[in-house]
PDB file of N, CA and C in Angstrom:
ATOM      1  N   MET A   1       0.841  -1.174   0.000  1.00  0.00           N
ATOM      2  CA  MET A   1       0.000   0.000   0.000  1.00  0.00           C
ATOM      3  C   MET A   1       0.893   1.247   0.000  1.00  0.00           C
ATOM      4  N   ALA A   2       0.488   2.246  -0.782  1.00  0.00           N
ATOM      5  CA  ALA A   2       1.278   3.461  -0.905  1.00  0.00           C
ATOM      6  C   ALA A   2       1.089   4.345   0.322  1.00  0.00           C
ATOM      7  N   LYS A   3       2.178   5.044   0.682  1.00  0.00           N
ATOM      8  CA  LYS A   3       2.097   5.982   1.803  1.00  0.00           C
ATOM      9  C   LYS A   3       1.407   7.258   1.347  1.00  0.00           C
ATOM     10  N   ARG A   4       0.755   7.901   2.282  1.00  0.00           N
ATOM     11  CA  ARG A   4       0.140   9.205   1.997  1.00  0.00           C
ATOM     12  C   ARG A   4       1.095  10.268   2.508  1.00  0.00           C
ATOM     13  N   ILE A   5       1.834  10.836   1.583  1.00  0.00           N
ATOM     14  CA  ILE A   5       2.836  11.826   1.959  1.00  0.00           C
ATOM     15  C   ILE A   5       2.159  13.190   2.069  1.00  0.00           C
ATOM     16  N   LYS A   6       2.372  13.825   3.204  1.00  0.00           N
ATOM     17  CA  LYS A   6       1.691  15.079   3.510  1.00  0.00           C
ATOM     18  C   LYS A   6       2.015  16.171   2.493  1.00  0.00           C
ATOM     19  N   SER A   7       3.279  16.309   2.122  1.00  0.00           N
ATOM     20  CA  SER A   7       3.668  17.363   1.181  1.00  0.00           C
ATOM     21  C   SER A   7       3.060  17.119  -0.201  1.00  0.00           C
ATOM     22  N   ALA A   8       2.948  15.853  -0.590  1.00  0.00           N
ATOM     23  CA  ALA A   8       2.346  15.528  -1.890  1.00  0.00           C
ATOM     24  C   ALA A   8       0.858  15.868  -1.885  1.00  0.00           C
ATOM     25  N   MET A   9       0.201  15.614  -0.770  1.00  0.00           N
ATOM     26  CA  MET A   9      -1.226  15.929  -0.670  1.00  0.00           C
ATOM     27  C   MET A   9      -1.434  17.438  -0.733  1.00  0.00           C
ATOM     28  N   LYS A  10      -0.528  18.200  -0.110  1.00  0.00           N
ATOM     29  CA  LYS A  10      -0.611  19.658  -0.168  1.00  0.00           C
ATOM     30  C   LYS A  10      -0.430  20.146  -1.605  1.00  0.00           C
ATOM     31  N   ARG A  11       0.524  19.550  -2.322  1.00  0.00           N
ATOM     32  CA  ARG A  11       0.780  19.961  -3.703  1.00  0.00           C
ATOM     33  C   ARG A  11      -0.442  19.686  -4.575  1.00  0.00           C
ATOM     34  N   VAL A  12      -1.155  18.604  -4.316  1.00  0.00           N
ATOM     35  CA  VAL A  12      -2.375  18.302  -5.067  1.00  0.00           C
ATOM     36  C   VAL A  12      -3.415  19.383  -4.825  1.00  0.00           C
ATOM     37  N   GLU A  13      -3.561  19.816  -3.591  1.00  0.00           N
ATOM     38  CA  GLU A  13      -4.519  20.879  -3.266  1.00  0.00           C
ATOM     39  C   GLU A  13      -4.139  22.190  -3.949  1.00  0.00           C
ATOM     40  N   VAL A  14      -2.853  22.518  -3.931  1.00  0.00           N
ATOM     41  CA  VAL A  14      -2.382  23.740  -4.577  1.00  0.00           C
ATOM     42  C   VAL A  14      -2.626  23.669  -6.084  1.00  0.00           C
ATOM     43  N   ALA A  15      -2.360  22.503  -6.663  1.00  0.00           N
ATOM     44  CA  ALA A  15      -2.561  22.334  -8.104  1.00  0.00           C
ATOM     45  C   ALA A  15      -4.031  22.512  -8.469  1.00  0.00           C
ATOM     46  N   LYS A  16      -4.923  22.000  -7.641  1.00  0.00           N
ATOM     47  CA  LYS A  16      -6.363  22.168  -7.891  1.00  0.00           C
ATOM     48  C   LYS A  16      -6.760  23.634  -7.829  1.00  0.00           C
ATOM     49  N   ARG A  17      -6.243  24.325  -6.821  1.00  0.00           N
ATOM     50  CA  ARG A  17      -6.550  25.742  -6.648  1.00  0.00           C
ATOM     51  C   ARG A  17      -6.040  26.550  -7.849  1.00  0.00           C
ATOM     52  N   ASN A  18      -4.824  26.278  -8.263  1.00  0.00           N
ATOM     53  CA  ASN A  18      -4.248  26.988  -9.405  1.00  0.00           C
ATOM     54  C   ASN A  18      -5.019  26.689 -10.684  1.00  0.00           C
ATOM     55  N   GLN A  19      -5.438  25.449 -10.839  1.00  0.00           N
ATOM     56  CA  GLN A  19      -6.179  25.071 -12.042  1.00  0.00           C
ATOM     57  C   GLN A  19      -7.511  25.807 -12.111  1.00  0.00           C
ATOM     58  N   GLN A  20      -8.180  25.946 -10.977  1.00  0.00           N
ATOM     59  CA  GLN A  20      -9.446  26.682 -10.952  1.00  0.00           C
ATOM     60  C   GLN A  20      -9.233  28.143 -11.332  1.00  0.00           C
ATOM     61  N   ARG A  21      -8.169  28.756 -10.817  1.00  0.00           N
ATOM     62  CA  ARG A  21      -7.866  30.138 -11.160  1.00  0.00           C
ATOM     63  C   ARG A  21      -7.539  30.258 -12.646  1.00  0.00           C
ATOM     64  N   ASN A  22      -6.758  29.321 -13.157  1.00  0.00           N
ATOM     65  CA  ASN A  22      -6.363  29.366 -14.565  1.00  0.00           C
ATOM     66  C   ASN A  22      -7.564  29.248 -15.490  1.00  0.00           C
ATOM     67  N   VAL A  23      -8.513  28.411 -15.135  1.00  0.00           N
ATOM     68  CA  VAL A  23      -9.717  28.241 -15.951  1.00  0.00           C
ATOM     69  C   VAL A  23     -10.491  29.558 -16.010  1.00  0.00           C
ATOM     70  N   VAL A  24     -10.617  30.227 -14.872  1.00  0.00           N
ATOM     71  CA  VAL A  24     -11.333  31.501 -14.823  1.00  0.00           C
ATOM     72  C   VAL A  24     -10.650  32.530 -15.713  1.00  0.00           C
ATOM     73  N   VAL A  25      -9.336  32.621 -15.602  1.00  0.00           N
ATOM     74  CA  VAL A  25      -8.591  33.625 -16.367  1.00  0.00           C
ATOM     75  C   VAL A  25      -8.675  33.333 -17.864  1.00  0.00           C
ATOM     76  N   LYS A  26      -8.505  32.077 -18.240  1.00  0.00           N
ATOM     77  CA  LYS A  26      -8.553  31.713 -19.663  1.00  0.00           C
ATOM     78  C   LYS A  26      -9.945  31.953 -20.247  1.00  0.00           C
ATOM     79  N   THR A  27     -10.977  31.668 -19.471  1.00  0.00           N
ATOM     80  CA  THR A  27     -12.338  31.905 -19.925  1.00  0.00           C
ATOM     81  C   THR A  27     -12.583  33.398 -20.115  1.00  0.00           C
ATOM     82  N   THR A  28     -12.046  34.198 -19.212  1.00  0.00           N
ATOM     83  CA  THR A  28     -12.183  35.650 -19.323  1.00  0.00           C
ATOM     84  C   THR A  28     -11.528  36.159 -20.604  1.00  0.00           C
ATOM     85  N   ILE A  29     -10.351  35.638 -20.909  1.00  0.00           N
ATOM     86  CA  ILE A  29      -9.662  36.037 -22.138  1.00  0.00           C
ATOM     87  C   ILE A  29     -10.519  35.702 -23.352  1.00  0.00           C
ATOM     88  N   LYS A  30     -11.080  34.515 -23.363  1.00  0.00           N
ATOM     89  CA  LYS A  30     -11.929  34.105 -24.493  1.00  0.00           C
ATOM     90  C   LYS A  30     -13.148  35.008 -24.619  1.00  0.00           C
ATOM     91  N   THR A  31     -13.747  35.359 -23.488  1.00  0.00           N
ATOM     92  CA  THR A  31     -14.932  36.210 -23.495  1.00  0.00           C
ATOM     93  C   THR A  31     -14.614  37.577 -24.088  1.00  0.00           C
ATOM     94  N   TYR A  32     -13.530  38.185 -23.636  1.00  0.00           N
ATOM     95  CA  TYR A  32     -13.167  39.509 -24.135  1.00  0.00           C
ATOM     96  C   TYR A  32     -12.781  39.468 -25.614  1.00  0.00           C
ATOM     97  N   THR A  33     -12.149  38.376 -26.030  1.00  0.00           N
ATOM     98  CA  THR A  33     -11.806  38.224 -27.447  1.00  0.00           C
ATOM     99  C   THR A  33     -13.074  38.112 -28.285  1.00  0.00           C
ATOM    100  N   LYS A  34     -14.041  37.355 -27.795  1.00  0.00           N
ATOM    101  CA  LYS A  34     -15.310  37.208 -28.518  1.00  0.00           C
ATOM    102  C   LYS A  34     -16.046  38.536 -28.623  1.00  0.00           C
ATOM    103  N   LYS A  35     -15.967  39.358 -27.572  1.00  0.00           N
ATOM    104  CA  LYS A  35     -16.626  40.665 -27.609  1.00  0.00           C
ATOM    105  C   LYS A  35     -16.054  41.522 -28.736  1.00  0.00           C
ATOM    106  N   VAL A  36     -14.746  41.466 -28.925  1.00  0.00           N
ATOM    107  CA  VAL A  36     -14.116  42.229 -30.006  1.00  0.00           C
ATOM    108  C   VAL A  36     -14.605  41.721 -31.362  1.00  0.00           C
ATOM    109  N   VAL A  37     -14.609  40.410 -31.537  1.00  0.00           N
ATOM    110  CA  VAL A  37     -15.022  39.820 -32.812  1.00  0.00           C
ATOM    111  C   VAL A  37     -16.486  40.129 -33.104  1.00  0.00           C
ATOM    112  N   GLU A  38     -17.343  40.044 -32.082  1.00  0.00           N
ATOM    113  CA  GLU A  38     -18.763  40.352 -32.267  1.00  0.00           C
ATOM    114  C   GLU A  38     -18.967  41.813 -32.645  1.00  0.00           C
ATOM    115  N   ALA A  39     -18.206  42.700 -32.034  1.00  0.00           N
ATOM    116  CA  ALA A  39     -18.313  44.122 -32.379  1.00  0.00           C
ATOM    117  C   ALA A  39     -17.894  44.344 -33.829  1.00  0.00           C
ATOM    118  N   LEU A  40     -16.870  43.639 -34.263  1.00  0.00           N
ATOM    119  CA  LEU A  40     -16.437  43.763 -35.662  1.00  0.00           C
ATOM    120  C   LEU A  40     -17.509  43.227 -36.602  1.00  0.00           C
ATOM    121  N   ASN A  41     -18.172  42.142 -36.209  1.00  0.00           N
ATOM    122  CA  ASN A  41     -19.236  41.579 -37.037  1.00  0.00           C
ATOM    123  C   ASN A  41     -20.430  42.525 -37.143  1.00  0.00           C
ATOM    124  N   ARG A  42     -20.649  43.342 -36.093  1.00  0.00           N
ATOM    125  CA  ARG A  42     -21.744  44.315 -36.110  1.00  0.00           C
ATOM    126  C   ARG A  42     -21.307  45.648 -36.721  1.00  0.00           C
ATOM    127  N   ASN A  43     -20.099  45.689 -37.260  1.00  0.00           N
ATOM    128  CA  ASN A  43     -19.528  46.892 -37.872  1.00  0.00           C
ATOM    129  C   ASN A  43     -19.353  48.035 -36.872  1.00  0.00           C
ATOM    130  N   GLU A  44     -19.135  47.702 -35.618  1.00  0.00           N
ATOM    131  CA  GLU A  44     -18.821  48.703 -34.602  1.00  0.00           C
ATOM    132  C   GLU A  44     -17.304  48.766 -34.454  1.00  0.00           C
ATOM    133  N   ILE A  45     -16.654  49.157 -35.529  1.00  0.00           N
ATOM    134  CA  ILE A  45     -15.194  49.092 -35.584  1.00  0.00           C
ATOM    135  C   ILE A  45     -14.561  50.072 -34.599  1.00  0.00           C
ATOM    136  N   ASP A  46     -15.135  51.269 -34.478  1.00  0.00           N
ATOM    137  CA  ASP A  46     -14.553  52.261 -33.569  1.00  0.00           C
ATOM    138  C   ASP A  46     -14.586  51.778 -32.130  1.00  0.00           C
ATOM    139  N   ASN A  47     -15.722  51.212 -31.726  1.00  0.00           N
ATOM    140  CA  ASN A  47     -15.860  50.685 -30.357  1.00  0.00           C
ATOM    141  C   ASN A  47     -14.892  49.528 -30.140  1.00  0.00           C
ATOM    142  N   ALA A  48     -14.808  48.635 -31.118  1.00  0.00           N
ATOM    143  CA  ALA A  48     -13.915  47.486 -30.996  1.00  0.00           C
ATOM    144  C   ALA A  48     -12.469  47.937 -30.941  1.00  0.00           C
ATOM    145  N   GLN A  49     -12.157  48.934 -31.755  1.00  0.00           N
ATOM    146  CA  GLN A  49     -10.773  49.387 -31.837  1.00  0.00           C
ATOM    147  C   GLN A  49     -10.334  50.080 -30.553  1.00  0.00           C
ATOM    148  N   ASN A  50     -11.199  50.853 -29.961  1.00  0.00           N
ATOM    149  CA  ASN A  50     -10.800  51.655 -28.805  1.00  0.00           C
ATOM    150  C   ASN A  50     -10.937  50.907 -27.482  1.00  0.00           C
ATOM    151  N   GLU A  51     -12.155  50.626 -27.092  1.00  0.00           N
ATOM    152  CA  GLU A  51     -12.386  50.089 -25.756  1.00  0.00           C
ATOM    153  C   GLU A  51     -12.153  48.592 -25.660  1.00  0.00           C
ATOM    154  N   LEU A  52     -12.839  47.845 -26.513  1.00  0.00           N
ATOM    155  CA  LEU A  52     -12.870  46.397 -26.349  1.00  0.00           C
ATOM    156  C   LEU A  52     -11.505  45.758 -26.522  1.00  0.00           C
ATOM    157  N   VAL A  53     -10.775  46.196 -27.535  1.00  0.00           N
ATOM    158  CA  VAL A  53      -9.471  45.564 -27.768  1.00  0.00           C
ATOM    159  C   VAL A  53      -8.489  45.917 -26.648  1.00  0.00           C
ATOM    160  N   LEU A  54      -8.595  47.107 -26.100  1.00  0.00           N
ATOM    161  CA  LEU A  54      -7.722  47.469 -24.979  1.00  0.00           C
ATOM    162  C   LEU A  54      -8.029  46.616 -23.753  1.00  0.00           C
ATOM    163  N   ASP A  55      -9.315  46.360 -23.518  1.00  0.00           N
ATOM    164  CA  ASP A  55      -9.697  45.485 -22.408  1.00  0.00           C
ATOM    165  C   ASP A  55      -9.164  44.074 -22.613  1.00  0.00           C
ATOM    166  N   ALA A  56      -9.314  43.567 -23.834  1.00  0.00           N
ATOM    167  CA  ALA A  56      -8.863  42.206 -24.133  1.00  0.00           C
ATOM    168  C   ALA A  56      -7.350  42.090 -23.971  1.00  0.00           C
ATOM    169  N   ILE A  57      -6.628  43.061 -24.491  1.00  0.00           N
ATOM    170  CA  ILE A  57      -5.168  43.031 -24.382  1.00  0.00           C
ATOM    171  C   ILE A  57      -4.732  43.141 -22.927  1.00  0.00           C
ATOM    172  N   SER A  58      -5.440  43.938 -22.168  1.00  0.00           N
ATOM    173  CA  SER A  58      -5.141  44.072 -20.743  1.00  0.00           C
ATOM    174  C   SER A  58      -5.307  42.735 -20.025  1.00  0.00           C
ATOM    175  N   LYS A  59      -6.402  42.033 -20.320  1.00  0.00           N
ATOM    176  CA  LYS A  59      -6.652  40.728 -19.692  1.00  0.00           C
ATOM    177  C   LYS A  59      -5.579  39.718 -20.093  1.00  0.00           C
ATOM    178  N   ILE A  60      -5.169  39.754 -21.356  1.00  0.00           N
ATOM    179  CA  ILE A  60      -4.135  38.831 -21.833  1.00  0.00           C
ATOM    180  C   ILE A  60      -2.811  39.111 -21.120  1.00  0.00           C
ATOM    181  N   ASP A  61      -2.451  40.393 -21.020  1.00  0.00           N
ATOM    182  CA  ASP A  61      -1.193  40.750 -20.357  1.00  0.00           C
ATOM    183  C   ASP A  61      -1.208  40.373 -18.877  1.00  0.00           C
ATOM    184  N   LYS A  62      -2.356  40.532 -18.255  1.00  0.00           N
ATOM    185  CA  LYS A  62      -2.467  40.178 -16.838  1.00  0.00           C
ATOM    186  C   LYS A  62      -2.306  38.669 -16.648  1.00  0.00           C
ATOM    187  N   ALA A  63      -2.847  37.892 -17.581  1.00  0.00           N
ATOM    188  CA  ALA A  63      -2.705  36.435 -17.507  1.00  0.00           C
ATOM    189  C   ALA A  63      -1.238  36.026 -17.620  1.00  0.00           C
ATOM    190  N   VAL A  64      -0.492  36.738 -18.456  1.00  0.00           N
ATOM    191  CA  VAL A  64       0.943  36.445 -18.589  1.00  0.00           C
ATOM    192  C   VAL A  64       1.657  36.762 -17.290  1.00  0.00           C
ATOM    193  N   SER A  65       1.323  37.902 -16.691  1.00  0.00           N
ATOM    194  CA  SER A  65       2.007  38.300 -15.461  1.00  0.00           C
ATOM    195  C   SER A  65       1.714  37.344 -14.313  1.00  0.00           C
ATOM    196  N   LYS A  66       0.547  36.713 -14.334  1.00  0.00           N
ATOM    197  CA  LYS A  66       0.181  35.743 -13.296  1.00  0.00           C
ATOM    198  C   LYS A  66       0.694  34.344 -13.608  1.00  0.00           C
ATOM    199  N   GLY A  67       1.274  34.159 -14.801  1.00  0.00           N
ATOM    200  CA  GLY A  67       1.815  32.856 -15.164  1.00  0.00           C
ATOM    201  C   GLY A  67       0.774  31.883 -15.673  1.00  0.00           C
ATOM    202  N   VAL A  68      -0.383  32.388 -16.078  1.00  0.00           N
ATOM    203  CA  VAL A  68      -1.448  31.509 -16.556  1.00  0.00           C
ATOM    204  C   VAL A  68      -1.179  31.067 -17.991  1.00  0.00           C
ATOM    205  N   ILE A  69      -0.724  32.008 -18.829  1.00  0.00           N
ATOM    206  CA  ILE A  69      -0.377  31.654 -20.206  1.00  0.00           C
ATOM    207  C   ILE A  69       1.050  32.117 -20.497  1.00  0.00           C
ATOM    208  N   HIS A  70       1.648  31.517 -21.499  1.00  0.00           N
ATOM    209  CA  HIS A  70       3.014  31.852 -21.893  1.00  0.00           C
ATOM    210  C   HIS A  70       3.026  33.170 -22.657  1.00  0.00           C
ATOM    211  N   LYS A  71       4.134  33.876 -22.583  1.00  0.00           N
ATOM    212  CA  LYS A  71       4.209  35.191 -23.227  1.00  0.00           C
ATOM    213  C   LYS A  71       4.069  35.094 -24.736  1.00  0.00           C
ATOM    214  N   ASN A  72       4.550  34.017 -25.342  1.00  0.00           N
ATOM    215  CA  ASN A  72       4.406  33.867 -26.793  1.00  0.00           C
ATOM    216  C   ASN A  72       2.951  33.610 -27.181  1.00  0.00           C
ATOM    217  N   THR A  73       2.237  32.882 -26.342  1.00  0.00           N
ATOM    218  CA  THR A  73       0.813  32.656 -26.567  1.00  0.00           C
ATOM    219  C   THR A  73       0.074  33.983 -26.516  1.00  0.00           C
ATOM    220  N   ALA A  74       0.426  34.804 -25.545  1.00  0.00           N
ATOM    221  CA  ALA A  74      -0.207  36.122 -25.413  1.00  0.00           C
ATOM    222  C   ALA A  74       0.086  36.974 -26.643  1.00  0.00           C
ATOM    223  N   ALA A  75       1.322  36.950 -27.091  1.00  0.00           N
ATOM    224  CA  ALA A  75       1.700  37.740 -28.268  1.00  0.00           C
ATOM    225  C   ALA A  75       0.902  37.281 -29.488  1.00  0.00           C
ATOM    226  N   ARG A  76       0.721  35.981 -29.625  1.00  0.00           N
ATOM    227  CA  ARG A  76      -0.040  35.434 -30.749  1.00  0.00           C
ATOM    228  C   ARG A  76      -1.501  35.867 -30.679  1.00  0.00           C
ATOM    229  N   LYS A  77      -2.087  35.793 -29.496  1.00  0.00           N
ATOM    230  CA  LYS A  77      -3.492  36.189 -29.340  1.00  0.00           C
ATOM    231  C   LYS A  77      -3.683  37.671 -29.652  1.00  0.00           C
ATOM    232  N   LYS A  78      -2.779  38.509 -29.136  1.00  0.00           N
ATOM    233  CA  LYS A  78      -2.879  39.948 -29.384  1.00  0.00           C
ATOM    234  C   LYS A  78      -2.678  40.260 -30.863  1.00  0.00           C
ATOM    235  N   SER A  79      -1.754  39.558 -31.487  1.00  0.00           N
ATOM    236  CA  SER A  79      -1.486  39.773 -32.903  1.00  0.00           C
ATOM    237  C   SER A  79      -2.705  39.415 -33.745  1.00  0.00           C
ATOM    238  N   ARG A  80      -3.344  38.322 -33.424  1.00  0.00           N
ATOM    239  CA  ARG A  80      -4.532  37.902 -34.177  1.00  0.00           C
ATOM    240  C   ARG A  80      -5.679  38.882 -34.005  1.00  0.00           C
ATOM    241  N   LEU A  81      -5.822  39.399 -32.785  1.00  0.00           N
ATOM    242  CA  LEU A  81      -6.868  40.402 -32.542  1.00  0.00           C
ATOM    243  C   LEU A  81      -6.627  41.656 -33.377  1.00  0.00           C
ATOM    244  N   MET A  82      -5.401  42.138 -33.344  1.00  0.00           N
ATOM    245  CA  MET A  82      -5.078  43.354 -34.085  1.00  0.00           C
ATOM    246  C   MET A  82      -5.200  43.138 -35.588  1.00  0.00           C
ATOM    247  N   LYS A  83      -4.869  41.944 -36.022  1.00  0.00           N
ATOM    248  CA  LYS A  83      -4.987  41.629 -37.448  1.00  0.00           C
ATOM    249  C   LYS A  83      -6.450  41.702 -37.885  1.00  0.00           C
ATOM    250  N   LYS A  84      -7.351  41.191 -37.049  1.00  0.00           N
ATOM    251  CA  LYS A  84      -8.783  41.258 -37.365  1.00  0.00           C
ATOM    252  C   LYS A  84      -9.258  42.708 -37.436  1.00  0.00           C
ATOM    253  N   ILE A  85      -8.819  43.520 -36.494  1.00  0.00           N
ATOM    254  CA  ILE A  85      -9.224  44.925 -36.496  1.00  0.00           C
ATOM    255  C   ILE A  85      -8.672  45.639 -37.715  1.00  0.00           C
ATOM    256  N   ASN A  86      -7.416  45.404 -38.039  1.00  0.00           N
ATOM    257  CA  ASN A  86      -6.815  46.055 -39.196  1.00  0.00           C
ATOM    258  C   ASN A  86      -7.499  45.628 -40.499  1.00  0.00           C
ATOM    259  N   ASN A  87      -7.878  44.354 -40.585  1.00  0.00           N
ATOM    260  CA  ASN A  87      -8.605  43.882 -41.761  1.00  0.00           C
ATOM    261  C   ASN A  87      -9.962  44.574 -41.870  1.00  0.00           C
ATOM    262  N   ALA A  88     -10.627  44.738 -40.739  1.00  0.00           N
ATOM    263  CA  ALA A  88     -11.936  45.395 -40.738  1.00  0.00           C
ATOM    264  C   ALA A  88     -11.786  46.858 -41.147  1.00  0.00           C
ATOM    265  N   LEU A  89     -10.725  47.511 -40.696  1.00  0.00           N
ATOM    266  CA  LEU A  89     -10.489  48.910 -41.086  1.00  0.00           C
ATOM    267  C   LEU A  89     -10.190  49.033 -42.563  1.00  0.00           C
ATOM    268  N   THR A  90      -9.467  48.065 -43.105  1.00  0.00           N
ATOM    269  CA  THR A  90      -9.126  48.071 -44.522  1.00  0.00           C
ATOM    270  C   THR A  90     -10.374  47.888 -45.377  1.00  0.00           C
ATOM    271  N   VAL A  91     -11.246  46.980 -44.947  1.00  0.00           N
ATOM    272  CA  VAL A  91     -12.488  46.714 -45.684  1.00  0.00           C
ATOM    273  C   VAL A  91     -13.392  47.941 -45.619  1.00  0.00           C
ATOM    274  N   LYS A  92     -13.433  48.600 -44.451  1.00  0.00           N
ATOM    275  CA  LYS A  92     -14.281  49.773 -44.260  1.00  0.00           C
ATOM    276  C   LYS A  92     -13.837  50.946 -45.151  1.00  0.00           C
ATOM    277  N   ALA A  93     -12.529  51.099 -45.294  1.00  0.00           N
ATOM    278  CA  ALA A  93     -11.991  52.234 -46.059  1.00  0.00           C
ATOM    279  C   ALA A  93     -12.151  52.091 -47.546  1.00  0.00           C
TER     280      ALA A  93
END
């Protein structure tokens, strides 16, 4: 029978707690990204460009600082968001 090591049990609890926090943060990032895309679909480019994208980028940067996502992942997400906005501006013009 395996021993129940106290430090290992603590690490399991910490891992569960961190996983719950990570899920919340990642879901928030997805939500803010969707808000930007939906605004672009409704042709609210000015709103998406100013407020929504800044909020989304802020959430992404905060996730990096907390160690939830890797910095390259954040850079990729921000780049894709900006690419969508720039494409929408090009189509509008």
